[in-house]
Amino acid sequence: MFFVLAEGFLYAQPNLQRANIGFYNVENLFDTIDDPLKNDDQFLPYGEYRWNTERYLNKLEKLSQVISEMSKMPGGLVVLGVSEIENESVLLDLVATEQLSPYHLKVCHHDSPDRRGVDVAFLYNPARFRILSTKAYSLYFPENPDYITRDQWLMSGILDDEDTVHLLVNHWPSKIGGEKKSLIYRLGAGKMARHIADSIMAISPNAKIIIMGDMNDNPNAKSMMEALRTRTNPKNLAPDDLYNPMWQMYRDGVGSYAYRDSWELLDNMIVSAGLVNPTHGYKFFMAHIFRKDFMLSQSGAYMNYPWRMFAGGIYQGGYSDHLPVYITLVK
């Protein structure tokens, strides 16, 4: 009901300027070229997934369809964080596709140390967002120095020639090896993201910060509530609070990822109090999950779940096992 009322309010305010900022785990966007520095053997023509030019081009076409549809939303798509991409080259191929080339999207990529070779990055509209700085943050665990995962990638810039916005894209450690055993790594990721946000707010107390990504945990998880210290209600926020608008969506049974006949909300968009209660410029309005029928399986055991590229190691030819999430800012 809140979604209907909020959308109704938004469309009843034609003079509001809007900006959409999102995140999309694109499920293993790999090229077909062997990189000796990465464990990309599965995604080679003679690898486990028989990854070839035809499958790669189909993947690009599928993703470009989703992102082009997001770009057509009122307010457009200003920034899209992405995860599970092999390198900058695949993103340059993506933005050059027929469906995306009209939007002239640019790439802001960082090569993470992840052994499997997957990175996080940003696509952005340079007509509306101007980069000021970027910085990578690496997770390190003294008790297990051999553990390597994705970096967190910070991009700061100017939105629509007015607002300074700080965007942090994440892909937290997975639950491989068991949820309890792997929790320590997601707690570490949450604490580091919180440290980054606190560092920004120490310099700029009303900073507009957006923390996005596949956290591999739901909004009510310990890594989110205790390590990242998110709040679940936008009312009465302290100046240094972080608000997670996905929490209520998760309580309502809405998700971005389907697992064992249930929906999970692993993909999150978290905003600082400075964006919920700004002194000027854009403010947070609403969070969404981008879901279209063409992105869902139409039959079989996974009917109405995200149409995956692979399921049980078998090629499905779909889009991704995750749905994109995004927030709308208004002023």
C-alpha atoms as a PDB file:
ATOM      1  CA  MET A   1       0.000   0.000   0.000  1.00  0.00           C
ATOM      2  CA  PHE A   2       2.865   2.373   0.796  1.00  0.00           C
ATOM      3  CA  PHE A   3       4.264   1.793  -2.670  1.00  0.00           C
ATOM      4  CA  VAL A   4       0.978   2.775  -4.323  1.00  0.00           C
ATOM      5  CA  LEU A   5       0.538   5.888  -2.167  1.00  0.00           C
ATOM      6  CA  ALA A   6       4.140   6.967  -2.638  1.00  0.00           C
ATOM      7  CA  GLU A   7       4.078   6.468  -6.391  1.00  0.00           C
ATOM      8  CA  GLY A   8       0.750   8.277  -6.585  1.00  0.00           C
ATOM      9  CA  PHE A   9       2.212  11.201  -4.667  1.00  0.00           C
ATOM     10  CA  LEU A  10       5.273  11.296  -6.888  1.00  0.00           C
ATOM     11  CA  TYR A  11       3.309  11.371 -10.123  1.00  0.00           C
ATOM     12  CA  ALA A  12       1.008  14.014  -8.675  1.00  0.00           C
ATOM     13  CA  GLN A  13       4.057  16.295  -8.287  1.00  0.00           C
ATOM     14  CA  PRO A  14       5.128  16.942 -11.901  1.00  0.00           C
ATOM     15  CA  ASN A  15       7.499  19.750 -10.875  1.00  0.00           C
ATOM     16  CA  LEU A  16       9.694  17.489  -8.754  1.00  0.00           C
ATOM     17  CA  GLN A  17      13.063  16.730 -10.275  1.00  0.00           C
ATOM     18  CA  ARG A  18      14.031  13.085  -9.934  1.00  0.00           C
ATOM     19  CA  ALA A  19      17.193  11.007 -10.034  1.00  0.00           C
ATOM     20  CA  ASN A  20      17.371   7.204  -9.810  1.00  0.00           C
ATOM     21  CA  ILE A  21      20.439   5.429  -8.463  1.00  0.00           C
ATOM     22  CA  GLY A  22      20.582   1.638  -8.462  1.00  0.00           C
ATOM     23  CA  PHE A  23      22.518  -1.571  -8.051  1.00  0.00           C
ATOM     24  CA  TYR A  24      22.530  -4.793 -10.072  1.00  0.00           C
ATOM     25  CA  ASN A  25      24.323  -8.089  -9.443  1.00  0.00           C
ATOM     26  CA  VAL A  26      24.575  -9.170 -13.075  1.00  0.00           C
ATOM     27  CA  GLU A  27      25.577 -12.801 -12.365  1.00  0.00           C
ATOM     28  CA  ASN A  28      28.997 -13.497 -13.799  1.00  0.00           C
ATOM     29  CA  LEU A  29      29.581 -11.175 -16.726  1.00  0.00           C
ATOM     30  CA  PHE A  30      32.784 -12.807 -18.010  1.00  0.00           C
ATOM     31  CA  ASP A  31      34.459 -12.499 -21.376  1.00  0.00           C
ATOM     32  CA  THR A  32      35.733 -15.548 -23.257  1.00  0.00           C
ATOM     33  CA  ILE A  33      39.441 -14.711 -22.920  1.00  0.00           C
ATOM     34  CA  ASP A  34      41.698 -16.563 -20.513  1.00  0.00           C
ATOM     35  CA  ASP A  35      43.175 -14.312 -17.834  1.00  0.00           C
ATOM     36  CA  PRO A  36      46.114 -16.178 -16.248  1.00  0.00           C
ATOM     37  CA  LEU A  37      45.846 -13.986 -13.131  1.00  0.00           C
ATOM     38  CA  LYS A  38      42.238 -15.006 -12.424  1.00  0.00           C
ATOM     39  CA  ASN A  39      40.372 -18.220 -11.844  1.00  0.00           C
ATOM     40  CA  ASP A  40      38.151 -17.795 -14.907  1.00  0.00           C
ATOM     41  CA  ASP A  41      38.458 -21.351 -16.266  1.00  0.00           C
ATOM     42  CA  GLN A  42      34.720 -22.028 -15.969  1.00  0.00           C
ATOM     43  CA  PHE A  43      34.008 -19.162 -18.353  1.00  0.00           C
ATOM     44  CA  LEU A  44      36.166 -20.250 -21.258  1.00  0.00           C
ATOM     45  CA  PRO A  45      35.038 -21.977 -24.491  1.00  0.00           C
ATOM     46  CA  TYR A  46      36.314 -25.331 -23.240  1.00  0.00           C
ATOM     47  CA  GLY A  47      35.537 -24.720 -19.586  1.00  0.00           C
ATOM     48  CA  GLU A  48      32.754 -26.149 -17.440  1.00  0.00           C
ATOM     49  CA  TYR A  49      30.184 -23.634 -18.715  1.00  0.00           C
ATOM     50  CA  ARG A  50      31.221 -23.822 -22.383  1.00  0.00           C
ATOM     51  CA  TRP A  51      31.332 -20.018 -22.372  1.00  0.00           C
ATOM     52  CA  ASN A  52      31.617 -18.831 -25.965  1.00  0.00           C
ATOM     53  CA  THR A  53      30.995 -15.728 -28.067  1.00  0.00           C
ATOM     54  CA  GLU A  54      27.341 -16.571 -28.649  1.00  0.00           C
ATOM     55  CA  ARG A  55      26.628 -16.901 -24.938  1.00  0.00           C
ATOM     56  CA  TYR A  56      28.628 -13.777 -24.115  1.00  0.00           C
ATOM     57  CA  LEU A  57      26.744 -11.682 -26.680  1.00  0.00           C
ATOM     58  CA  ASN A  58      23.427 -13.046 -25.424  1.00  0.00           C
ATOM     59  CA  LYS A  59      24.429 -12.039 -21.899  1.00  0.00           C
ATOM     60  CA  LEU A  60      25.269  -8.512 -23.045  1.00  0.00           C
ATOM     61  CA  GLU A  61      21.968  -8.242 -24.900  1.00  0.00           C
ATOM     62  CA  LYS A  62      19.965  -9.431 -21.891  1.00  0.00           C
ATOM     63  CA  LEU A  63      21.662  -7.046 -19.458  1.00  0.00           C
ATOM     64  CA  SER A  64      21.410  -4.123 -21.845  1.00  0.00           C
ATOM     65  CA  GLN A  65      17.672  -4.735 -22.128  1.00  0.00           C
ATOM     66  CA  VAL A  66      17.252  -4.456 -18.357  1.00  0.00           C
ATOM     67  CA  ILE A  67      19.466  -1.386 -17.979  1.00  0.00           C
ATOM     68  CA  SER A  68      17.881   0.381 -20.950  1.00  0.00           C
ATOM     69  CA  GLU A  69      14.445  -0.165 -19.405  1.00  0.00           C
ATOM     70  CA  MET A  70      15.720   1.275 -16.130  1.00  0.00           C
ATOM     71  CA  SER A  71      17.100   4.249 -18.042  1.00  0.00           C
ATOM     72  CA  LYS A  72      13.618   4.991 -19.396  1.00  0.00           C
ATOM     73  CA  MET A  73      12.176   5.481 -15.908  1.00  0.00           C
ATOM     74  CA  PRO A  74      11.021   8.989 -14.973  1.00  0.00           C
ATOM     75  CA  GLY A  75      14.161  10.666 -13.696  1.00  0.00           C
ATOM     76  CA  GLY A  76      16.372   8.340 -15.704  1.00  0.00           C
ATOM     77  CA  LEU A  77      19.186   6.193 -14.360  1.00  0.00           C
ATOM     78  CA  VAL A  78      22.008   8.400 -13.126  1.00  0.00           C
ATOM     79  CA  VAL A  79      24.260   5.787 -11.512  1.00  0.00           C
ATOM     80  CA  LEU A  80      24.138   1.985 -11.466  1.00  0.00           C
ATOM     81  CA  GLY A  81      26.485   0.013  -9.240  1.00  0.00           C
ATOM     82  CA  VAL A  82      27.242  -3.474 -10.559  1.00  0.00           C
ATOM     83  CA  SER A  83      28.851  -6.630  -9.222  1.00  0.00           C
ATOM     84  CA  GLU A  84      30.080  -9.960 -10.593  1.00  0.00           C
ATOM     85  CA  ILE A  85      31.834  -8.432 -13.580  1.00  0.00           C
ATOM     86  CA  GLU A  86      35.199  -9.764 -14.690  1.00  0.00           C
ATOM     87  CA  ASN A  87      36.899  -6.565 -15.826  1.00  0.00           C
ATOM     88  CA  GLU A  88      36.464  -3.113 -17.312  1.00  0.00           C
ATOM     89  CA  SER A  89      36.382  -4.518 -20.836  1.00  0.00           C
ATOM     90  CA  VAL A  90      33.074  -6.354 -20.367  1.00  0.00           C
ATOM     91  CA  LEU A  91      31.458  -3.156 -19.091  1.00  0.00           C
ATOM     92  CA  LEU A  92      32.749  -1.198 -22.076  1.00  0.00           C
ATOM     93  CA  ASP A  93      31.206  -3.877 -24.311  1.00  0.00           C
ATOM     94  CA  LEU A  94      27.961  -3.574 -22.339  1.00  0.00           C
ATOM     95  CA  VAL A  95      27.563   0.209 -22.618  1.00  0.00           C
ATOM     96  CA  ALA A  96      28.423  -0.001 -26.335  1.00  0.00           C
ATOM     97  CA  THR A  97      25.508  -2.341 -27.122  1.00  0.00           C
ATOM     98  CA  GLU A  98      22.771  -1.119 -29.436  1.00  0.00           C
ATOM     99  CA  GLN A  99      20.275  -0.735 -26.596  1.00  0.00           C
ATOM    100  CA  LEU A 100      22.604   1.195 -24.285  1.00  0.00           C
ATOM    101  CA  SER A 101      24.731   3.283 -26.634  1.00  0.00           C
ATOM    102  CA  PRO A 102      22.058   6.044 -26.886  1.00  0.00           C
ATOM    103  CA  TYR A 103      22.483   6.728 -23.149  1.00  0.00           C
ATOM    104  CA  HIS A 104      26.249   7.386 -23.429  1.00  0.00           C
ATOM    105  CA  LEU A 105      26.969   5.674 -20.106  1.00  0.00           C
ATOM    106  CA  LYS A 106      30.514   5.757 -18.736  1.00  0.00           C
ATOM    107  CA  VAL A 107      32.357   3.157 -16.666  1.00  0.00           C
ATOM    108  CA  CYS A 108      34.057   3.636 -13.287  1.00  0.00           C
ATOM    109  CA  HIS A 109      35.810   0.338 -12.583  1.00  0.00           C
ATOM    110  CA  HIS A 110      38.230  -1.000 -10.010  1.00  0.00           C
ATOM    111  CA  ASP A 111      40.124  -4.279 -10.330  1.00  0.00           C
ATOM    112  CA  SER A 112      39.534  -6.164  -7.064  1.00  0.00           C
ATOM    113  CA  PRO A 113      41.870  -8.877  -5.733  1.00  0.00           C
ATOM    114  CA  ASP A 114      39.070 -11.481  -5.645  1.00  0.00           C
ATOM    115  CA  ARG A 115      40.567 -14.810  -6.703  1.00  0.00           C
ATOM    116  CA  ARG A 116      37.607 -15.693  -8.896  1.00  0.00           C
ATOM    117  CA  GLY A 117      38.152 -12.439 -10.694  1.00  0.00           C
ATOM    118  CA  VAL A 118      34.833 -10.683 -10.066  1.00  0.00           C
ATOM    119  CA  ASP A 119      34.789  -6.959  -9.403  1.00  0.00           C
ATOM    120  CA  VAL A 120      32.409  -4.185  -8.418  1.00  0.00           C
ATOM    121  CA  ALA A 121      32.028  -1.049 -10.534  1.00  0.00           C
ATOM    122  CA  PHE A 122      29.748   1.806 -11.532  1.00  0.00           C
ATOM    123  CA  LEU A 123      28.005   2.809 -14.719  1.00  0.00           C
ATOM    124  CA  TYR A 124      27.009   6.465 -14.738  1.00  0.00           C
ATOM    125  CA  ASN A 125      25.477   9.169 -16.906  1.00  0.00           C
ATOM    126  CA  PRO A 126      28.217  11.824 -17.359  1.00  0.00           C
ATOM    127  CA  ALA A 127      25.622  14.442 -18.309  1.00  0.00           C
ATOM    128  CA  ARG A 128      24.258  14.261 -14.768  1.00  0.00           C
ATOM    129  CA  PHE A 129      27.101  12.958 -12.618  1.00  0.00           C
ATOM    130  CA  ARG A 130      30.672  14.288 -12.512  1.00  0.00           C
ATOM    131  CA  ILE A 131      33.288  12.228 -10.657  1.00  0.00           C
ATOM    132  CA  LEU A 132      35.381  14.054  -8.075  1.00  0.00           C
ATOM    133  CA  SER A 133      37.317  11.126  -6.608  1.00  0.00           C
ATOM    134  CA  THR A 134      37.456   7.356  -6.236  1.00  0.00           C
ATOM    135  CA  LYS A 135      39.013   5.113  -3.631  1.00  0.00           C
ATOM    136  CA  ALA A 136      39.219   1.361  -3.045  1.00  0.00           C
ATOM    137  CA  TYR A 137      39.067  -0.258   0.405  1.00  0.00           C
ATOM    138  CA  SER A 138      40.371  -3.785   0.935  1.00  0.00           C
ATOM    139  CA  LEU A 139      39.119  -6.177   3.599  1.00  0.00           C
ATOM    140  CA  TYR A 140      41.830  -7.808   5.678  1.00  0.00           C
ATOM    141  CA  PHE A 141      41.402 -10.397   8.401  1.00  0.00           C
ATOM    142  CA  PRO A 142      44.494 -10.862  10.623  1.00  0.00           C
ATOM    143  CA  GLU A 143      43.186 -14.204  11.872  1.00  0.00           C
ATOM    144  CA  ASN A 144      42.997 -15.442   8.271  1.00  0.00           C
ATOM    145  CA  PRO A 145      45.407 -13.395   6.135  1.00  0.00           C
ATOM    146  CA  ASP A 146      44.897 -15.711   3.139  1.00  0.00           C
ATOM    147  CA  TYR A 147      41.208 -14.775   2.889  1.00  0.00           C
ATOM    148  CA  ILE A 148      40.663 -12.504  -0.111  1.00  0.00           C
ATOM    149  CA  THR A 149      37.397 -10.943  -1.243  1.00  0.00           C
ATOM    150  CA  ARG A 150      36.091  -8.008  -3.251  1.00  0.00           C
ATOM    151  CA  ASP A 151      37.162  -4.482  -2.399  1.00  0.00           C
ATOM    152  CA  GLN A 152      34.608  -1.815  -1.544  1.00  0.00           C
ATOM    153  CA  TRP A 153      34.716   0.919  -4.186  1.00  0.00           C
ATOM    154  CA  LEU A 154      33.903   4.524  -3.308  1.00  0.00           C
ATOM    155  CA  MET A 155      32.953   7.041  -5.981  1.00  0.00           C
ATOM    156  CA  SER A 156      32.276  10.652  -4.966  1.00  0.00           C
ATOM    157  CA  GLY A 157      30.895  13.227  -7.358  1.00  0.00           C
ATOM    158  CA  ILE A 158      28.490  16.010  -8.214  1.00  0.00           C
ATOM    159  CA  LEU A 159      24.890  15.138  -9.067  1.00  0.00           C
ATOM    160  CA  ASP A 160      23.135  17.532 -11.454  1.00  0.00           C
ATOM    161  CA  ASP A 161      25.693  20.298 -10.826  1.00  0.00           C
ATOM    162  CA  GLU A 162      24.526  20.766  -7.231  1.00  0.00           C
ATOM    163  CA  ASP A 163      24.754  17.845  -4.812  1.00  0.00           C
ATOM    164  CA  THR A 164      27.927  16.153  -3.661  1.00  0.00           C
ATOM    165  CA  VAL A 165      27.081  12.454  -3.316  1.00  0.00           C
ATOM    166  CA  HIS A 166      29.258   9.590  -2.060  1.00  0.00           C
ATOM    167  CA  LEU A 167      28.458   6.132  -3.438  1.00  0.00           C
ATOM    168  CA  LEU A 168      29.972   2.952  -2.028  1.00  0.00           C
ATOM    169  CA  VAL A 169      29.416  -0.259  -3.987  1.00  0.00           C
ATOM    170  CA  ASN A 170      29.805  -3.618  -2.207  1.00  0.00           C
ATOM    171  CA  HIS A 171      29.753  -7.342  -2.817  1.00  0.00           C
ATOM    172  CA  TRP A 172      30.153  -8.877   0.609  1.00  0.00           C
ATOM    173  CA  PRO A 173      31.554 -12.376   1.254  1.00  0.00           C
ATOM    174  CA  SER A 174      29.202 -15.249   0.452  1.00  0.00           C
ATOM    175  CA  LYS A 175      27.900 -17.985   2.736  1.00  0.00           C
ATOM    176  CA  ILE A 176      30.068 -20.672   1.180  1.00  0.00           C
ATOM    177  CA  GLY A 177      31.198 -22.975   3.979  1.00  0.00           C
ATOM    178  CA  GLY A 178      28.067 -22.265   6.008  1.00  0.00           C
ATOM    179  CA  GLU A 179      26.266 -19.162   7.201  1.00  0.00           C
ATOM    180  CA  LYS A 180      27.669 -19.204  10.753  1.00  0.00           C
ATOM    181  CA  LYS A 181      31.227 -19.975   9.731  1.00  0.00           C
ATOM    182  CA  SER A 182      31.256 -17.238   7.081  1.00  0.00           C
ATOM    183  CA  LEU A 183      29.475 -14.608   9.190  1.00  0.00           C
ATOM    184  CA  ILE A 184      32.731 -13.185  10.508  1.00  0.00           C
ATOM    185  CA  TYR A 185      33.633 -12.033   7.000  1.00  0.00           C
ATOM    186  CA  ARG A 186      30.323 -10.242   6.390  1.00  0.00           C
ATOM    187  CA  LEU A 187      30.601  -8.645   9.827  1.00  0.00           C
ATOM    188  CA  GLY A 188      34.004  -7.375   8.779  1.00  0.00           C
ATOM    189  CA  ALA A 189      32.566  -6.023   5.535  1.00  0.00           C
ATOM    190  CA  GLY A 190      29.783  -4.257   7.426  1.00  0.00           C
ATOM    191  CA  LYS A 191      32.200  -2.692   9.893  1.00  0.00           C
ATOM    192  CA  MET A 192      34.432  -1.455   7.086  1.00  0.00           C
ATOM    193  CA  ALA A 193      31.502   0.105   5.198  1.00  0.00           C
ATOM    194  CA  ARG A 194      30.435   1.789   8.432  1.00  0.00           C
ATOM    195  CA  HIS A 195      33.980   3.086   8.962  1.00  0.00           C
ATOM    196  CA  ILE A 196      34.028   4.544   5.450  1.00  0.00           C
ATOM    197  CA  ALA A 197      30.693   6.298   6.030  1.00  0.00           C
ATOM    198  CA  ASP A 198      31.817   7.592   9.432  1.00  0.00           C
ATOM    199  CA  SER A 199      35.035   8.953   7.896  1.00  0.00           C
ATOM    200  CA  ILE A 200      33.046  10.902   5.311  1.00  0.00           C
ATOM    201  CA  MET A 201      30.601  12.243   7.899  1.00  0.00           C
ATOM    202  CA  ALA A 202      33.459  13.292  10.216  1.00  0.00           C
ATOM    203  CA  ILE A 203      34.533  15.739   7.515  1.00  0.00           C
ATOM    204  CA  SER A 204      31.041  16.559   6.224  1.00  0.00           C
ATOM    205  CA  PRO A 205      28.390  15.920   8.937  1.00  0.00           C
ATOM    206  CA  ASN A 206      25.447  16.259   6.516  1.00  0.00           C
ATOM    207  CA  ALA A 207      27.064  14.143   3.795  1.00  0.00           C
ATOM    208  CA  LYS A 208      24.805  12.440   1.277  1.00  0.00           C
ATOM    209  CA  ILE A 209      25.981   8.826   1.247  1.00  0.00           C
ATOM    210  CA  ILE A 210      24.540   5.809  -0.569  1.00  0.00           C
ATOM    211  CA  ILE A 211      25.835   2.351   0.355  1.00  0.00           C
ATOM    212  CA  MET A 212      24.725  -0.244  -2.175  1.00  0.00           C
ATOM    213  CA  GLY A 213      25.444  -3.801  -3.092  1.00  0.00           C
ATOM    214  CA  ASP A 214      24.904  -7.515  -2.735  1.00  0.00           C
ATOM    215  CA  MET A 215      25.516  -7.975   0.977  1.00  0.00           C
ATOM    216  CA  ASN A 216      24.777 -11.717   0.872  1.00  0.00           C
ATOM    217  CA  ASP A 217      22.618 -11.032   3.938  1.00  0.00           C
ATOM    218  CA  ASN A 218      19.066  -9.841   4.436  1.00  0.00           C
ATOM    219  CA  PRO A 219      18.304  -6.409   5.966  1.00  0.00           C
ATOM    220  CA  ASN A 220      17.662  -7.925   9.407  1.00  0.00           C
ATOM    221  CA  ALA A 221      21.005  -9.776   9.569  1.00  0.00           C
ATOM    222  CA  LYS A 222      23.602  -9.100  12.235  1.00  0.00           C
ATOM    223  CA  SER A 223      26.031  -7.800   9.624  1.00  0.00           C
ATOM    224  CA  MET A 224      23.506  -5.140   8.617  1.00  0.00           C
ATOM    225  CA  MET A 225      21.953  -4.236  11.962  1.00  0.00           C
ATOM    226  CA  GLU A 226      25.023  -4.436  14.217  1.00  0.00           C
ATOM    227  CA  ALA A 227      28.128  -4.139  12.027  1.00  0.00           C
ATOM    228  CA  LEU A 228      26.836  -1.529   9.582  1.00  0.00           C
ATOM    229  CA  ARG A 229      24.468  -0.209  12.276  1.00  0.00           C
ATOM    230  CA  THR A 230      21.544   0.508   9.975  1.00  0.00           C
ATOM    231  CA  ARG A 231      18.270   1.995  11.186  1.00  0.00           C
ATOM    232  CA  THR A 232      14.906   0.652  10.076  1.00  0.00           C
ATOM    233  CA  ASN A 233      12.795   3.794  10.445  1.00  0.00           C
ATOM    234  CA  PRO A 234      13.485   7.140   8.738  1.00  0.00           C
ATOM    235  CA  LYS A 235      11.981   9.099  11.627  1.00  0.00           C
ATOM    236  CA  ASN A 236      14.159  10.653  14.347  1.00  0.00           C
ATOM    237  CA  LEU A 237      17.457   9.791  12.686  1.00  0.00           C
ATOM    238  CA  ALA A 238      20.621  11.037  14.356  1.00  0.00           C
ATOM    239  CA  PRO A 239      22.953  13.008  12.046  1.00  0.00           C
ATOM    240  CA  ASP A 240      25.320  10.041  11.702  1.00  0.00           C
ATOM    241  CA  ASP A 241      22.651   7.358  11.213  1.00  0.00           C
ATOM    242  CA  LEU A 242      22.311   5.114   8.175  1.00  0.00           C
ATOM    243  CA  TYR A 243      18.780   4.183   7.081  1.00  0.00           C
ATOM    244  CA  ASN A 244      17.950   0.961   5.226  1.00  0.00           C
ATOM    245  CA  PRO A 245      14.632   1.373   3.355  1.00  0.00           C
ATOM    246  CA  MET A 246      14.830  -2.260   2.199  1.00  0.00           C
ATOM    247  CA  TRP A 247      14.084  -3.526   5.721  1.00  0.00           C
ATOM    248  CA  GLN A 248      10.319  -2.937   5.470  1.00  0.00           C
ATOM    249  CA  MET A 249      10.239  -4.422   1.983  1.00  0.00           C
ATOM    250  CA  TYR A 250      11.881  -7.574   3.318  1.00  0.00           C
ATOM    251  CA  ARG A 251       9.346  -7.758   6.188  1.00  0.00           C
ATOM    252  CA  ASP A 252       6.601  -7.524   3.582  1.00  0.00           C
ATOM    253  CA  GLY A 253       7.991 -10.574   1.780  1.00  0.00           C
ATOM    254  CA  VAL A 254       9.535  -8.706  -1.140  1.00  0.00           C
ATOM    255  CA  GLY A 255      12.906  -9.866  -2.407  1.00  0.00           C
ATOM    256  CA  SER A 256      15.554  -9.535  -5.094  1.00  0.00           C
ATOM    257  CA  TYR A 257      16.838 -13.121  -4.980  1.00  0.00           C
ATOM    258  CA  ALA A 258      14.962 -16.426  -4.722  1.00  0.00           C
ATOM    259  CA  TYR A 259      16.412 -19.346  -2.762  1.00  0.00           C
ATOM    260  CA  ARG A 260      14.738 -22.587  -1.711  1.00  0.00           C
ATOM    261  CA  ASP A 261      11.201 -21.427  -2.464  1.00  0.00           C
ATOM    262  CA  SER A 262      11.526 -18.115  -0.635  1.00  0.00           C
ATOM    263  CA  TRP A 263      12.522 -14.574  -1.468  1.00  0.00           C
ATOM    264  CA  GLU A 264      15.563 -12.934   0.057  1.00  0.00           C
ATOM    265  CA  LEU A 265      16.617  -9.307  -0.117  1.00  0.00           C
ATOM    266  CA  LEU A 266      20.379  -9.550  -0.417  1.00  0.00           C
ATOM    267  CA  ASP A 267      20.654  -6.429  -2.572  1.00  0.00           C
ATOM    268  CA  ASN A 268      20.434  -3.277  -0.518  1.00  0.00           C
ATOM    269  CA  MET A 269      20.396   0.501  -0.966  1.00  0.00           C
ATOM    270  CA  ILE A 270      21.263   2.291   2.288  1.00  0.00           C
ATOM    271  CA  VAL A 271      21.218   6.063   2.721  1.00  0.00           C
ATOM    272  CA  SER A 272      22.687   8.469   5.245  1.00  0.00           C
ATOM    273  CA  ALA A 273      20.618  10.783   7.425  1.00  0.00           C
ATOM    274  CA  GLY A 274      21.979  13.637   5.332  1.00  0.00           C
ATOM    275  CA  LEU A 275      20.070  12.277   2.364  1.00  0.00           C
ATOM    276  CA  VAL A 276      16.877  11.553   4.312  1.00  0.00           C
ATOM    277  CA  ASN A 277      16.830  15.000   5.946  1.00  0.00           C
ATOM    278  CA  PRO A 278      18.977  17.234   3.740  1.00  0.00           C
ATOM    279  CA  THR A 279      19.509  20.944   4.198  1.00  0.00           C
ATOM    280  CA  HIS A 280      19.247  21.489   0.440  1.00  0.00           C
ATOM    281  CA  GLY A 281      19.095  19.714  -2.905  1.00  0.00           C
ATOM    282  CA  TYR A 282      18.076  16.124  -3.461  1.00  0.00           C
ATOM    283  CA  LYS A 283      16.509  14.002  -0.737  1.00  0.00           C
ATOM    284  CA  PHE A 284      15.727  10.318  -0.482  1.00  0.00           C
ATOM    285  CA  PHE A 285      12.167   9.523  -1.535  1.00  0.00           C
ATOM    286  CA  MET A 286      11.700   5.793  -2.025  1.00  0.00           C
ATOM    287  CA  ALA A 287      13.368   2.408  -2.617  1.00  0.00           C
ATOM    288  CA  HIS A 288      12.327  -0.034  -5.321  1.00  0.00           C
ATOM    289  CA  ILE A 289      13.039  -3.433  -6.805  1.00  0.00           C
ATOM    290  CA  PHE A 290      13.104  -3.343 -10.603  1.00  0.00           C
ATOM    291  CA  ARG A 291      11.038  -6.307 -11.723  1.00  0.00           C
ATOM    292  CA  LYS A 292       9.596  -6.935 -15.187  1.00  0.00           C
ATOM    293  CA  ASP A 293       7.931 -10.093 -16.486  1.00  0.00           C
ATOM    294  CA  PHE A 294      10.589 -10.607 -19.154  1.00  0.00           C
ATOM    295  CA  MET A 295      13.226 -10.928 -16.395  1.00  0.00           C
ATOM    296  CA  LEU A 296      11.444 -13.893 -14.780  1.00  0.00           C
ATOM    297  CA  SER A 297      11.333 -17.579 -15.702  1.00  0.00           C
ATOM    298  CA  GLN A 298       8.044 -18.367 -17.388  1.00  0.00           C
ATOM    299  CA  SER A 299       7.848 -22.086 -16.643  1.00  0.00           C
ATOM    300  CA  GLY A 300       9.391 -24.979 -14.755  1.00  0.00           C
ATOM    301  CA  ALA A 301      10.645 -25.245 -11.195  1.00  0.00           C
ATOM    302  CA  TYR A 302      11.905 -21.654 -11.212  1.00  0.00           C
ATOM    303  CA  MET A 303       8.719 -20.086 -12.599  1.00  0.00           C
ATOM    304  CA  ASN A 304       8.358 -16.415 -11.564  1.00  0.00           C
ATOM    305  CA  TYR A 305      11.858 -16.396 -10.098  1.00  0.00           C
ATOM    306  CA  PRO A 306      14.640 -14.337 -11.683  1.00  0.00           C
ATOM    307  CA  TRP A 307      15.562 -15.886 -15.033  1.00  0.00           C
ATOM    308  CA  ARG A 308      19.097 -17.004 -14.304  1.00  0.00           C
ATOM    309  CA  MET A 309      21.960 -17.471 -16.691  1.00  0.00           C
ATOM    310  CA  PHE A 310      22.814 -20.834 -15.091  1.00  0.00           C
ATOM    311  CA  ALA A 311      20.833 -23.089 -12.773  1.00  0.00           C
ATOM    312  CA  GLY A 312      22.447 -26.193 -11.322  1.00  0.00           C
ATOM    313  CA  GLY A 313      25.328 -25.718 -13.735  1.00  0.00           C
ATOM    314  CA  ILE A 314      22.983 -25.896 -16.732  1.00  0.00           C
ATOM    315  CA  TYR A 315      22.820 -22.955 -19.125  1.00  0.00           C
ATOM    316  CA  GLN A 316      19.447 -21.196 -19.036  1.00  0.00           C
ATOM    317  CA  GLY A 317      20.258 -18.202 -21.218  1.00  0.00           C
ATOM    318  CA  GLY A 318      18.610 -15.764 -18.826  1.00  0.00           C
ATOM    319  CA  TYR A 319      19.452 -12.387 -17.343  1.00  0.00           C
ATOM    320  CA  SER A 320      20.680 -12.793 -13.765  1.00  0.00           C
ATOM    321  CA  ASP A 321      19.793 -14.642 -10.575  1.00  0.00           C
ATOM    322  CA  HIS A 322      19.286 -11.222  -8.929  1.00  0.00           C
ATOM    323  CA  LEU A 323      16.841  -8.410  -9.637  1.00  0.00           C
ATOM    324  CA  PRO A 324      18.158  -4.831  -9.644  1.00  0.00           C
ATOM    325  CA  VAL A 325      17.294  -2.457  -6.809  1.00  0.00           C
ATOM    326  CA  TYR A 326      17.236   1.325  -6.892  1.00  0.00           C
ATOM    327  CA  ILE A 327      16.248   4.440  -5.002  1.00  0.00           C
ATOM    328  CA  THR A 328      14.539   7.598  -6.226  1.00  0.00           C
ATOM    329  CA  LEU A 329      15.810  10.990  -5.090  1.00  0.00           C
ATOM    330  CA  VAL A 330      13.673  14.111  -5.491  1.00  0.00           C
ATOM    331  CA  LYS A 331      14.022  17.851  -5.113  1.00  0.00           C
END
